[in-house]
Amino acid sequence: MPIREFSRDIWDYLNEIPYMPSRQDRDELVRRADENPRHAKRIHIWDYFFRLNPNDVGKPQMREIALLTQRREIELAENSARTIRMLWLAMVPVIVGVGLTYFLASQNDQTLRFSGPFVIALGVSLLIVIGMLYWRTRNRIQTVYQEMIDELQKSVRALRSKVPNPPADDQVHRWLQEDLDWLAKQAIKQTGIDASAVKPDKADNPLCILGPAQLQHRDLVPRPFLDKDAVDLSKHVKAARFAFLSGDRFEDFYGVYSVEFIILGKDRLGNYGCFFDFITGKIYGEHVSEMYYKDVVSLSVREEYRQVNMSWLQTPTVKAPTFAMSLASGNTIEISFASAEYVSLLKMQLPEGTNSIDPAQWVRNPESAAQKAIEALRAELQKHKP
C-alpha cells in the first residue's frame, strides 16, 4: 500500500491551526527580507507573537496515522474471522476421521483400519497450515502498516523540529524601541516643527503615548482593520505578549499599536499619530496636524472601558484609560492605553508562580507617559498664556 505524500514544509500546515495567520502572511515578510535584510527582524517578530504549539504540527499526518491504525485493526479482525471460518472447515475431516475410526473399530474392519487416522491427520495438518497462514498474514499486516505509521511519525518529528524558537524578550524590546525612534523622526519630519527648541522636564520631545490597537475607540480604527476578510490583520491586532525583561523590568508587547506623538515647538504644537503594525512595520491611518498653544482647550485622562474579544481575557470588558487633548476647533486628539489591571490579565499567559509585577518596573508605562505629557504640555501652555 503506497504511503500518502505530505509536504515537508512546516508553513504549509498553518491553515490547520486556527490561532495562526496564513502562510501568505509570513511569506510576505520573508519576501521583503529577501529584498532588504533590514526587514528580517519582522520574521522573528512574527514568530514571537505567533508561536506554533508542536502538538498542533503534523495534524494531517496524525489523522492519516489514525486512519491507518483503524484500517490495520479492520484487516486484523477480517484475518481472524477468515481464519476462524477456515478452522471450522478444517475441523470437518477431524470429526469425520474420529467418527470413521470408531465406526470401523466397531465393525472390526481391518481392511480400512488406517483410513480414520489418515483423515484425522489430514484435518490436523489443515489446522496447522491454517494457523501458520494466520500468523503469517497477521505479521505481514502488522509490518506493512507499522512501517507506514513509523514513516509518518518520523515526518511529524521532522516537522516539529522545524518549529522556530521565538526571539528573546529583551531583543523584542530593542526592536520596538528602534521602531518608536523611527516613528518619532517621522513625526518631526511630517509636522516640520523643531523639537530641539523645547526641552521639557522629565519627558522627551516629542511626547509619545502608545496603546494597544484593540483598545481604541472603533471610530478611530482605520478601515483595513475593520475588514471582515482581513483575517491576518485581525490576528495581528489581537496579538499580545507579556514579558519579564532583564533588570526585573516587565513590558507588554502588542502586534499593532496606536501611537500619538505631540511635538512641542517654540510657538506651535504638532501632532502625528498612526496605527503601527509592529509585526510588519506598516503604518495605517496616519494623521498630522499643527496648532498654536492657545488652541489647546483642555487636557485630561478619562477613565473609559472597552469591549474586546481576547482569548486570554477572563471578561470582555476592560479598563482603558484615555488621554485626550481638546482643541478650540472642536477636534480631540485621544488615545486609549493599557491599564495596570489590563496588563495583569495579560500576564496570565505566563505559567503560575511567575514574578509579581510592580508598576514602578513597567517599561513604557503609558499611565506615567500620559501624566508626563500633561505636565509638559501644561508647563508650555503656561509660558504661552496671552
Protein backbone atom coordinates (compact mmCIF):
# COMPACT_ATOMS: atom_id res chain seq x y z
CA MET A 1 0.00 0.00 0.00
CA PRO A 2 1.60 3.30 -1.07
CA ILE A 3 2.01 5.90 1.68
CA ARG A 4 0.36 9.26 1.17
CA GLU A 5 2.77 12.10 0.44
CA PHE A 6 2.80 15.12 2.76
CA SER A 7 4.64 18.42 2.50
CA ARG A 8 7.86 18.73 4.50
CA ASP A 9 7.41 22.50 4.80
CA ILE A 10 6.03 23.37 8.22
CA TRP A 11 4.38 26.55 6.94
CA ASP A 12 2.14 24.57 4.57
CA TYR A 13 0.12 23.48 7.60
CA LEU A 14 -0.87 26.87 9.01
CA ASN A 15 -4.40 26.54 7.64
CA GLU A 16 -4.78 23.58 10.02
CA ILE A 17 -4.10 25.79 13.07
CA PRO A 18 -6.88 28.35 13.79
CA TYR A 19 -4.84 30.63 16.07
CA MET A 20 -2.13 31.15 13.43
CA PRO A 21 -2.26 33.60 10.49
CA SER A 22 -1.97 32.29 6.94
CA ARG A 23 1.22 31.16 5.28
CA GLN A 24 0.90 34.11 2.87
CA ASP A 25 1.15 36.45 5.85
CA ARG A 26 4.56 35.12 6.83
CA ASP A 27 5.74 34.59 3.25
CA GLU A 28 5.29 38.30 2.56
CA LEU A 29 7.71 39.08 5.39
CA VAL A 30 10.19 36.54 4.02
CA ARG A 31 9.92 38.12 0.56
CA ARG A 32 10.57 41.59 1.96
CA ALA A 33 13.54 40.31 3.96
CA ASP A 34 15.00 38.76 0.81
CA GLU A 35 14.75 42.14 -0.90
CA ASN A 36 16.11 44.05 2.07
CA PRO A 37 17.87 42.32 5.02
CA ARG A 38 16.75 45.16 7.30
CA HIS A 39 13.29 43.63 7.26
CA ALA A 40 14.50 40.26 8.54
CA LYS A 41 13.55 41.19 12.11
CA ARG A 42 9.88 41.21 11.08
CA ILE A 43 10.00 37.45 10.52
CA HIS A 44 11.32 36.98 14.06
CA ILE A 45 8.68 39.35 15.48
CA TRP A 46 6.02 37.29 13.67
CA ASP A 47 7.47 34.16 15.29
CA TYR A 48 7.46 35.94 18.66
CA PHE A 49 3.74 36.67 18.61
CA PHE A 50 2.55 33.61 16.70
CA ARG A 51 4.04 30.58 18.41
CA LEU A 52 3.39 27.15 16.99
CA ASN A 53 2.46 24.54 19.57
CA PRO A 54 4.47 21.46 18.46
CA ASN A 55 1.46 19.29 19.29
CA ASP A 56 -0.51 21.17 16.61
CA VAL A 57 2.07 20.44 13.92
CA GLY A 58 1.52 17.46 11.62
CA LYS A 59 -2.23 17.18 12.13
CA PRO A 60 -2.85 15.71 8.63
CA GLN A 61 -0.21 13.06 9.29
CA MET A 62 -1.73 12.27 12.68
CA ARG A 63 -5.14 11.88 11.04
CA GLU A 64 -3.54 9.57 8.47
CA ILE A 65 -1.93 7.57 11.29
CA ALA A 66 -5.32 7.24 12.98
CA LEU A 67 -6.83 6.10 9.68
CA LEU A 68 -4.05 3.56 9.09
CA THR A 69 -4.43 2.28 12.63
CA GLN A 70 -8.15 1.84 12.04
CA ARG A 71 -7.55 0.05 8.74
CA ARG A 72 -4.97 -2.21 10.38
CA GLU A 73 -7.42 -3.22 13.08
CA ILE A 74 -10.08 -3.91 10.46
CA GLU A 75 -7.73 -6.10 8.39
CA LEU A 76 -6.56 -7.95 11.50
CA ALA A 77 -10.18 -8.55 12.50
CA GLU A 78 -11.02 -9.77 8.99
CA ASN A 79 -7.99 -12.07 9.07
CA SER A 80 -9.13 -13.51 12.41
CA ALA A 81 -12.72 -14.00 11.17
CA ARG A 82 -11.49 -15.63 7.97
CA THR A 83 -9.17 -17.93 9.93
CA ILE A 84 -11.97 -18.97 12.30
CA ARG A 85 -14.15 -19.93 9.32
CA MET A 86 -11.29 -21.94 7.82
CA LEU A 87 -10.62 -23.63 11.17
CA TRP A 88 -14.22 -24.76 11.36
CA LEU A 89 -13.92 -26.20 7.85
CA ALA A 90 -10.65 -27.94 8.81
CA MET A 91 -12.41 -29.50 11.79
CA VAL A 92 -14.72 -31.40 9.43
CA PRO A 93 -12.12 -34.02 8.38
CA VAL A 94 -11.00 -34.36 12.02
CA ILE A 95 -14.56 -35.02 13.16
CA VAL A 96 -15.18 -37.34 10.20
CA GLY A 97 -11.90 -39.18 10.89
CA VAL A 98 -12.76 -39.70 14.56
CA GLY A 99 -16.20 -40.94 13.66
CA LEU A 100 -14.85 -43.22 10.96
CA THR A 101 -12.24 -44.64 13.33
CA TYR A 102 -14.85 -45.59 15.92
CA PHE A 103 -17.17 -46.97 13.28
CA LEU A 104 -14.52 -49.22 11.69
CA ALA A 105 -13.34 -50.34 15.10
CA SER A 106 -16.88 -51.36 15.98
CA GLN A 107 -17.15 -53.28 12.72
CA ASN A 108 -13.77 -54.87 13.29
CA ASP A 109 -12.93 -53.96 9.73
CA GLN A 110 -9.16 -54.46 9.44
CA THR A 111 -9.12 -53.59 5.77
CA LEU A 112 -9.82 -49.88 6.26
CA ARG A 113 -8.42 -49.52 9.80
CA PHE A 114 -5.94 -46.76 8.71
CA SER A 115 -8.49 -44.61 6.86
CA GLY A 116 -9.84 -42.98 10.02
CA PRO A 117 -6.46 -41.87 11.43
CA PHE A 118 -5.48 -40.74 7.94
CA VAL A 119 -8.49 -38.43 7.73
CA ILE A 120 -7.73 -37.16 11.24
CA ALA A 121 -4.10 -36.47 10.29
CA LEU A 122 -5.30 -34.66 7.18
CA GLY A 123 -7.58 -32.45 9.29
CA VAL A 124 -4.83 -31.71 11.83
CA SER A 125 -2.44 -30.82 9.00
CA LEU A 126 -5.01 -28.40 7.65
CA LEU A 127 -5.37 -26.83 11.12
CA ILE A 128 -1.59 -26.36 11.36
CA VAL A 129 -1.39 -24.84 7.86
CA ILE A 130 -4.31 -22.52 8.60
CA GLY A 131 -2.66 -21.44 11.86
CA MET A 132 0.62 -20.76 10.09
CA LEU A 133 -1.19 -18.76 7.39
CA TYR A 134 -3.00 -16.78 10.10
CA TRP A 135 0.21 -15.74 11.88
CA ARG A 136 2.00 -15.06 8.61
CA THR A 137 -0.82 -12.83 7.37
CA ARG A 138 -1.13 -11.13 10.77
CA ASN A 139 2.61 -10.35 10.87
CA ARG A 140 2.52 -9.06 7.30
CA ILE A 141 -0.40 -6.74 8.09
CA GLN A 142 1.32 -5.52 11.27
CA THR A 143 4.63 -4.94 9.47
CA VAL A 144 3.18 -3.12 6.45
CA TYR A 145 1.05 -0.75 8.50
CA GLN A 146 3.71 -0.20 11.17
CA GLU A 147 6.25 0.78 8.50
CA MET A 148 3.83 3.39 7.12
CA ILE A 149 2.97 4.67 10.61
CA ASP A 150 6.66 4.87 11.56
CA GLU A 151 7.38 6.85 8.39
CA LEU A 152 4.56 9.29 9.15
CA GLN A 153 5.66 9.67 12.77
CA LYS A 154 9.16 10.36 11.55
CA SER A 155 7.86 13.10 9.24
CA VAL A 156 5.89 14.62 12.14
CA ARG A 157 9.03 14.68 14.32
CA ALA A 158 10.94 16.31 11.46
CA LEU A 159 8.26 18.98 11.12
CA ARG A 160 8.16 19.66 14.86
CA SER A 161 11.94 20.08 14.90
CA LYS A 162 11.44 22.99 12.50
CA VAL A 163 9.23 24.98 14.88
CA PRO A 164 11.19 28.25 15.25
CA ASN A 165 12.34 29.46 18.63
CA PRO A 166 10.97 32.96 19.36
CA PRO A 167 13.49 35.77 19.89
CA ALA A 168 14.38 36.86 23.41
CA ASP A 169 12.08 39.34 25.14
CA ASP A 170 14.92 41.85 25.54
CA GLN A 171 15.58 41.69 21.79
CA VAL A 172 11.92 42.42 21.00
CA HIS A 173 12.13 45.36 23.43
CA ARG A 174 15.08 46.74 21.47
CA TRP A 175 13.29 46.27 18.15
CA LEU A 176 10.23 48.11 19.42
CA GLN A 177 12.41 50.97 20.64
CA GLU A 178 14.05 51.15 17.20
CA ASP A 179 10.62 51.44 15.60
CA LEU A 180 9.43 54.09 18.06
CA ASP A 181 12.60 56.12 17.47
CA TRP A 182 11.97 55.90 13.72
CA LEU A 183 8.34 56.97 14.19
CA ALA A 184 9.46 59.93 16.32
CA LYS A 185 11.67 61.09 13.44
CA GLN A 186 8.70 60.65 11.10
CA ALA A 187 6.59 62.79 13.44
CA ILE A 188 9.13 65.62 13.42
CA LYS A 189 9.56 65.38 9.66
CA GLN A 190 5.82 65.32 8.93
CA THR A 191 4.95 68.25 11.22
CA GLY A 192 8.02 70.32 10.34
CA ILE A 193 8.31 71.51 13.95
CA ASP A 194 11.72 71.95 15.55
CA ALA A 195 11.57 69.70 18.60
CA SER A 196 15.06 70.71 19.71
CA ALA A 197 13.79 74.18 20.67
CA VAL A 198 11.91 72.87 23.72
CA LYS A 199 13.34 70.59 26.41
CA PRO A 200 10.51 69.51 28.73
CA ASP A 201 11.33 68.47 32.27
CA LYS A 202 11.21 64.67 32.89
CA ALA A 203 9.88 63.96 29.41
CA ASP A 204 11.15 63.52 25.87
CA ASN A 205 10.21 65.76 22.97
CA PRO A 206 8.27 64.53 21.02
CA LEU A 207 5.95 63.32 23.76
CA CYS A 208 4.87 59.78 22.99
CA ILE A 209 1.81 57.90 24.19
CA LEU A 210 1.01 54.46 22.82
CA GLY A 211 -1.64 51.86 23.45
CA PRO A 212 -2.87 48.56 22.03
CA ALA A 213 -4.86 48.95 18.82
CA GLN A 214 -7.60 46.70 20.21
CA LEU A 215 -8.36 49.23 22.98
CA GLN A 216 -9.03 52.17 20.69
CA HIS A 217 -12.50 53.53 20.08
CA ARG A 218 -13.94 51.88 17.00
CA ASP A 219 -14.47 55.24 15.27
CA LEU A 220 -10.71 55.85 15.35
CA VAL A 221 -9.68 52.47 13.92
CA PRO A 222 -8.55 52.58 10.23
CA ARG A 223 -10.82 50.76 7.78
CA PRO A 224 -8.32 47.95 6.90
CA PHE A 225 -8.58 46.67 10.48
CA LEU A 226 -12.38 46.54 10.24
CA ASP A 227 -12.43 44.50 7.02
CA LYS A 228 -14.00 41.11 7.82
CA ASP A 229 -11.89 39.50 5.10
CA ALA A 230 -8.63 40.80 6.58
CA VAL A 231 -8.22 37.74 8.85
CA ASP A 232 -4.43 38.03 9.11
CA LEU A 233 -4.61 41.71 10.06
CA SER A 234 -7.23 40.88 12.67
CA LYS A 235 -4.87 38.35 14.23
CA HIS A 236 -2.11 40.98 14.24
CA VAL A 237 -4.41 43.27 16.24
CA LYS A 238 -5.17 40.53 18.78
CA ALA A 239 -1.51 39.52 19.19
CA ALA A 240 -0.17 40.38 22.65
CA ARG A 241 2.65 39.23 24.91
CA PHE A 242 3.69 39.90 28.48
CA ALA A 243 7.43 39.68 29.13
CA PHE A 244 9.84 39.96 32.03
CA LEU A 245 12.97 41.77 30.88
CA SER A 246 16.41 41.93 32.40
CA GLY A 247 16.80 44.09 35.47
CA ASP A 248 13.45 42.93 36.96
CA ARG A 249 11.56 45.07 34.44
CA PHE A 250 8.49 43.96 32.55
CA GLU A 251 6.79 45.05 29.33
CA ASP A 252 3.60 44.42 27.43
CA PHE A 253 4.02 43.92 23.67
CA TYR A 254 1.27 44.21 21.06
CA GLY A 255 1.05 43.25 17.42
CA VAL A 256 -0.49 46.61 16.48
CA TYR A 257 -0.11 49.87 18.38
CA SER A 258 -1.96 53.13 18.30
CA VAL A 259 0.71 55.83 18.63
CA GLU A 260 0.32 59.55 19.25
CA PHE A 261 3.25 61.97 19.18
CA ILE A 262 2.91 65.56 20.40
CA ILE A 263 5.82 67.75 19.34
CA LEU A 264 6.49 70.81 21.48
CA GLY A 265 7.72 73.68 19.36
CA LYS A 266 8.76 77.20 20.21
CA ASP A 267 5.45 78.74 19.14
CA ARG A 268 3.36 75.81 17.96
CA LEU A 269 2.41 72.26 18.72
CA GLY A 270 2.48 69.39 16.28
CA ASN A 271 0.62 66.11 16.37
CA TYR A 272 1.45 62.95 14.47
CA GLY A 273 -0.43 59.74 15.02
CA CYS A 274 -0.93 56.37 13.36
CA PHE A 275 -1.73 52.72 13.85
CA PHE A 276 1.59 50.91 13.66
CA ASP A 277 1.74 47.21 12.83
CA PHE A 278 4.78 46.15 14.83
CA ILE A 279 4.77 42.76 13.10
CA THR A 280 5.03 44.07 9.53
CA GLY A 281 6.37 47.57 10.19
CA LYS A 282 3.50 49.10 8.20
CA ILE A 283 1.67 52.32 9.09
CA TYR A 284 -2.11 52.75 8.88
CA GLY A 285 -4.39 55.72 9.48
CA GLU A 286 -1.58 58.29 9.54
CA HIS A 287 -2.68 61.78 10.57
CA VAL A 288 -0.77 65.05 11.02
CA SER A 289 -1.86 68.39 12.46
CA GLU A 290 -0.44 71.66 13.78
CA MET A 291 -1.91 74.10 16.25
CA TYR A 292 -0.95 77.05 18.41
CA TYR A 293 -0.71 76.64 22.14
CA LYS A 294 -3.73 78.90 22.58
CA ASP A 295 -5.77 76.39 20.58
CA VAL A 296 -5.49 73.79 23.35
CA VAL A 297 -8.68 73.93 25.42
CA SER A 298 -8.23 71.06 27.85
CA LEU A 299 -6.04 68.10 28.79
CA SER A 300 -7.29 65.04 30.60
CA VAL A 301 -7.03 61.31 31.20
CA ARG A 302 -10.54 59.86 31.16
CA GLU A 303 -11.47 56.51 32.68
CA GLU A 304 -13.09 54.52 29.91
CA TYR A 305 -13.90 50.89 29.23
CA ARG A 306 -13.76 48.76 26.10
CA GLN A 307 -15.34 45.53 24.93
CA VAL A 308 -12.58 43.38 23.46
CA ASN A 309 -12.52 39.74 22.37
CA MET A 310 -9.20 38.30 23.51
CA SER A 311 -8.58 34.63 24.32
CA TRP A 312 -6.54 35.46 27.42
CA LEU A 313 -9.14 37.77 28.97
CA GLN A 314 -11.50 36.50 31.66
CA THR A 315 -14.01 39.22 30.84
CA PRO A 316 -14.63 41.09 27.55
CA THR A 317 -14.95 44.45 29.37
CA VAL A 318 -11.63 46.03 30.34
CA LYS A 319 -10.49 49.34 31.73
CA ALA A 320 -8.95 51.59 29.06
CA PRO A 321 -7.69 54.97 30.39
CA THR A 322 -7.81 57.56 27.60
CA PHE A 323 -5.56 60.58 27.14
CA ALA A 324 -7.42 63.46 25.48
CA MET A 325 -6.30 66.87 24.25
CA SER A 326 -9.27 69.01 23.20
CA LEU A 327 -8.79 71.88 20.74
CA ALA A 328 -10.70 75.09 20.14
CA SER A 329 -11.71 73.77 16.72
CA GLY A 330 -13.76 71.06 18.39
CA ASN A 331 -11.32 68.31 17.44
CA THR A 332 -9.86 65.99 20.04
CA ILE A 333 -6.57 64.12 19.97
CA GLU A 334 -7.07 60.98 22.02
CA ILE A 335 -5.58 57.57 22.61
CA SER A 336 -6.57 54.75 24.96
CA PHE A 337 -3.84 52.79 26.64
CA ALA A 338 -3.36 49.69 28.77
CA SER A 339 -4.11 49.95 32.47
CA ALA A 340 -2.21 48.05 35.15
CA GLU A 341 -5.26 45.77 35.54
CA TYR A 342 -5.23 45.03 31.81
CA VAL A 343 -1.54 44.11 31.87
CA SER A 344 -2.12 41.92 34.93
CA LEU A 345 -4.62 39.95 32.86
CA LEU A 346 -2.10 39.72 30.03
CA LYS A 347 0.42 38.32 32.50
CA MET A 348 -1.88 35.33 32.96
CA GLN A 349 -0.40 33.98 29.72
CA LEU A 350 2.66 33.03 31.76
CA PRO A 351 2.89 29.91 33.94
CA GLU A 352 1.66 30.15 37.50
CA GLY A 353 4.20 31.19 40.07
CA THR A 354 5.98 33.78 37.92
CA ASN A 355 7.10 37.07 39.43
CA SER A 356 4.51 39.57 40.60
CA ILE A 357 4.51 42.89 38.78
CA ASP A 358 5.45 46.24 40.26
CA PRO A 359 4.18 49.25 38.23
CA ALA A 360 7.47 51.01 39.00
CA GLN A 361 9.23 48.37 36.87
CA TRP A 362 6.82 48.74 33.92
CA VAL A 363 8.79 49.67 30.81
CA ARG A 364 6.93 52.31 28.76
CA ASN A 365 4.26 52.65 31.42
CA PRO A 366 1.57 54.53 29.43
CA GLU A 367 -0.12 55.89 32.55
CA SER A 368 3.16 57.51 33.54
CA ALA A 369 3.78 58.69 29.94
CA ALA A 370 0.33 60.30 29.78
CA GLN A 371 0.88 62.08 33.08
CA LYS A 372 4.30 63.35 31.99
CA ALA A 373 2.79 64.55 28.71
CA ILE A 374 0.11 66.52 30.53
CA GLU A 375 2.68 68.08 32.87
CA ALA A 376 4.95 69.06 29.97
CA LEU A 377 2.04 70.49 27.96
CA ARG A 378 0.73 72.47 30.90
CA ALA A 379 4.17 73.92 31.52
CA GLU A 380 4.37 75.11 27.90
CA LEU A 381 0.79 76.38 27.93
CA GLN A 382 1.66 78.48 30.96
CA LYS A 383 4.53 80.05 29.04
CA HIS A 384 2.28 80.92 26.11
CA LYS A 385 -0.62 82.42 28.04
CA PRO A 386 -1.71 85.72 26.42
